[in-house]
Amino acid sequence: MFIQLYIYVSMFEGGFFIIVLLKTFEKNHKEQIIRYPRQIFVTRESINNMGSL
């Protein structure tokens, strides 16, 4: 799942699209967020850094 996020980030450079993708990811995988909050946080930080570059 995290690998798919990075692939989408590399394909689309729009920050808004990335935010929408994250919201959809959160809705579809709430259980994973509860189990691995640190991984989700790291993923968000990485996506934010990619969007700013």
N, C-alpha and C. Protein backbone atom coordinates (compact mmCIF):
# COMPACT_ATOMS: atom_id res chain seq x y z
N MET A 1 0.83 -1.20 0.00
CA MET A 1 0.00 0.00 0.00
C MET A 1 0.87 1.25 0.00
N PHE A 2 1.91 1.25 0.83
CA PHE A 2 2.78 2.43 0.89
C PHE A 2 3.53 2.59 -0.43
N ILE A 3 3.91 1.46 -1.04
CA ILE A 3 4.63 1.54 -2.31
C ILE A 3 3.73 2.17 -3.37
N GLN A 4 2.45 1.81 -3.37
CA GLN A 4 1.51 2.39 -4.33
C GLN A 4 1.43 3.90 -4.15
N LEU A 5 1.44 4.36 -2.90
CA LEU A 5 1.39 5.80 -2.65
C LEU A 5 2.57 6.50 -3.29
N TYR A 6 3.77 5.92 -3.11
CA TYR A 6 4.95 6.56 -3.68
C TYR A 6 4.88 6.57 -5.21
N ILE A 7 4.34 5.50 -5.80
CA ILE A 7 4.22 5.46 -7.26
C ILE A 7 3.29 6.57 -7.73
N TYR A 8 2.16 6.76 -7.04
CA TYR A 8 1.23 7.82 -7.42
C TYR A 8 1.89 9.18 -7.28
N VAL A 9 2.68 9.36 -6.22
CA VAL A 9 3.35 10.65 -5.99
C VAL A 9 4.32 10.94 -7.13
N SER A 10 5.02 9.92 -7.59
CA SER A 10 6.00 10.14 -8.65
C SER A 10 5.30 10.40 -9.99
N MET A 11 4.07 9.89 -10.15
CA MET A 11 3.36 10.06 -11.41
C MET A 11 2.68 11.43 -11.49
N PHE A 12 2.16 11.91 -10.37
CA PHE A 12 1.43 13.18 -10.36
C PHE A 12 2.14 14.15 -9.42
N GLU A 13 2.39 15.36 -9.91
CA GLU A 13 3.12 16.34 -9.12
C GLU A 13 2.20 17.31 -8.40
N GLY A 14 0.90 17.21 -8.64
CA GLY A 14 -0.03 18.16 -8.01
C GLY A 14 -0.20 17.87 -6.53
N GLY A 15 0.04 18.87 -5.70
CA GLY A 15 -0.10 18.69 -4.25
C GLY A 15 -1.54 18.39 -3.86
N PHE A 16 -2.50 19.04 -4.55
CA PHE A 16 -3.91 18.82 -4.22
C PHE A 16 -4.30 17.38 -4.46
N PHE A 17 -3.83 16.81 -5.58
CA PHE A 17 -4.14 15.42 -5.89
C PHE A 17 -3.58 14.49 -4.82
N ILE A 18 -2.36 14.82 -4.34
CA ILE A 18 -1.74 13.99 -3.31
C ILE A 18 -2.57 14.04 -2.03
N ILE A 19 -3.08 15.23 -1.69
CA ILE A 19 -3.90 15.36 -0.48
C ILE A 19 -5.17 14.52 -0.63
N VAL A 20 -5.82 14.62 -1.79
CA VAL A 20 -7.04 13.83 -2.04
C VAL A 20 -6.72 12.35 -1.95
N LEU A 21 -5.57 11.96 -2.51
CA LEU A 21 -5.17 10.55 -2.47
C LEU A 21 -4.98 10.09 -1.04
N LEU A 22 -4.37 10.94 -0.20
CA LEU A 22 -4.17 10.60 1.20
C LEU A 22 -5.51 10.44 1.91
N LYS A 23 -6.46 11.34 1.65
CA LYS A 23 -7.77 11.25 2.29
C LYS A 23 -8.45 9.95 1.89
N THR A 24 -8.38 9.60 0.61
CA THR A 24 -8.98 8.35 0.15
C THR A 24 -8.29 7.16 0.80
N PHE A 25 -6.96 7.24 0.92
CA PHE A 25 -6.19 6.18 1.54
C PHE A 25 -6.60 6.01 2.99
N GLU A 26 -6.82 7.12 3.70
CA GLU A 26 -7.22 7.06 5.10
C GLU A 26 -8.58 6.39 5.23
N LYS A 27 -9.53 6.76 4.37
CA LYS A 27 -10.88 6.20 4.46
C LYS A 27 -10.87 4.70 4.20
N ASN A 28 -10.05 4.27 3.25
CA ASN A 28 -10.05 2.86 2.85
C ASN A 28 -9.23 1.99 3.78
N HIS A 29 -8.35 2.59 4.58
CA HIS A 29 -7.45 1.77 5.40
C HIS A 29 -7.33 2.33 6.81
N LYS A 30 -8.48 2.57 7.44
CA LYS A 30 -8.46 3.10 8.81
C LYS A 30 -7.79 2.11 9.76
N GLU A 31 -8.01 0.81 9.52
CA GLU A 31 -7.42 -0.19 10.41
C GLU A 31 -5.90 -0.11 10.38
N GLN A 32 -5.33 0.06 9.19
CA GLN A 32 -3.87 0.14 9.09
C GLN A 32 -3.35 1.39 9.79
N ILE A 33 -4.11 2.49 9.72
CA ILE A 33 -3.67 3.72 10.38
C ILE A 33 -3.64 3.50 11.89
N ILE A 34 -4.64 2.79 12.42
CA ILE A 34 -4.69 2.53 13.87
C ILE A 34 -3.52 1.63 14.26
N ARG A 35 -3.19 0.67 13.41
CA ARG A 35 -2.12 -0.28 13.75
C ARG A 35 -0.74 0.33 13.55
N TYR A 36 -0.58 1.12 12.51
CA TYR A 36 0.76 1.64 12.18
C TYR A 36 0.72 3.16 12.02
N PRO A 37 0.45 3.89 13.10
CA PRO A 37 0.37 5.36 12.97
C PRO A 37 1.71 5.98 12.60
N ARG A 38 2.81 5.39 13.06
CA ARG A 38 4.13 5.96 12.76
C ARG A 38 4.44 5.82 11.28
N GLN A 39 4.11 4.69 10.69
CA GLN A 39 4.37 4.51 9.26
C GLN A 39 3.57 5.52 8.44
N ILE A 40 2.33 5.73 8.82
CA ILE A 40 1.49 6.70 8.10
C ILE A 40 2.11 8.09 8.22
N PHE A 41 2.59 8.43 9.42
CA PHE A 41 3.18 9.75 9.64
C PHE A 41 4.41 9.93 8.78
N VAL A 42 5.26 8.92 8.74
CA VAL A 42 6.48 8.99 7.92
C VAL A 42 6.10 9.14 6.45
N THR A 43 5.07 8.40 6.03
CA THR A 43 4.64 8.49 4.63
C THR A 43 4.16 9.91 4.32
N ARG A 44 3.41 10.50 5.23
CA ARG A 44 2.92 11.86 5.02
C ARG A 44 4.08 12.84 4.91
N GLU A 45 5.05 12.71 5.81
CA GLU A 45 6.20 13.61 5.77
C GLU A 45 6.94 13.48 4.44
N SER A 46 7.12 12.25 3.98
CA SER A 46 7.83 12.03 2.72
C SER A 46 7.06 12.65 1.56
N ILE A 47 5.74 12.48 1.57
CA ILE A 47 4.92 13.04 0.49
C ILE A 47 4.98 14.56 0.52
N ASN A 48 4.95 15.14 1.72
CA ASN A 48 5.04 16.61 1.83
C ASN A 48 6.37 17.09 1.29
N ASN A 49 7.44 16.38 1.60
CA ASN A 49 8.76 16.77 1.11
C ASN A 49 8.82 16.66 -0.42
N MET A 50 8.24 15.60 -0.97
CA MET A 50 8.25 15.44 -2.42
C MET A 50 7.46 16.55 -3.09
N GLY A 51 6.33 16.92 -2.48
CA GLY A 51 5.48 17.96 -3.07
C GLY A 51 6.15 19.32 -3.06
N SER A 52 7.03 19.56 -2.09
CA SER A 52 7.68 20.86 -1.99
C SER A 52 8.86 20.97 -2.94
N LEU A 53 9.39 19.83 -3.41
CA LEU A 53 10.55 19.86 -4.29
C LEU A 53 10.14 20.31 -5.70
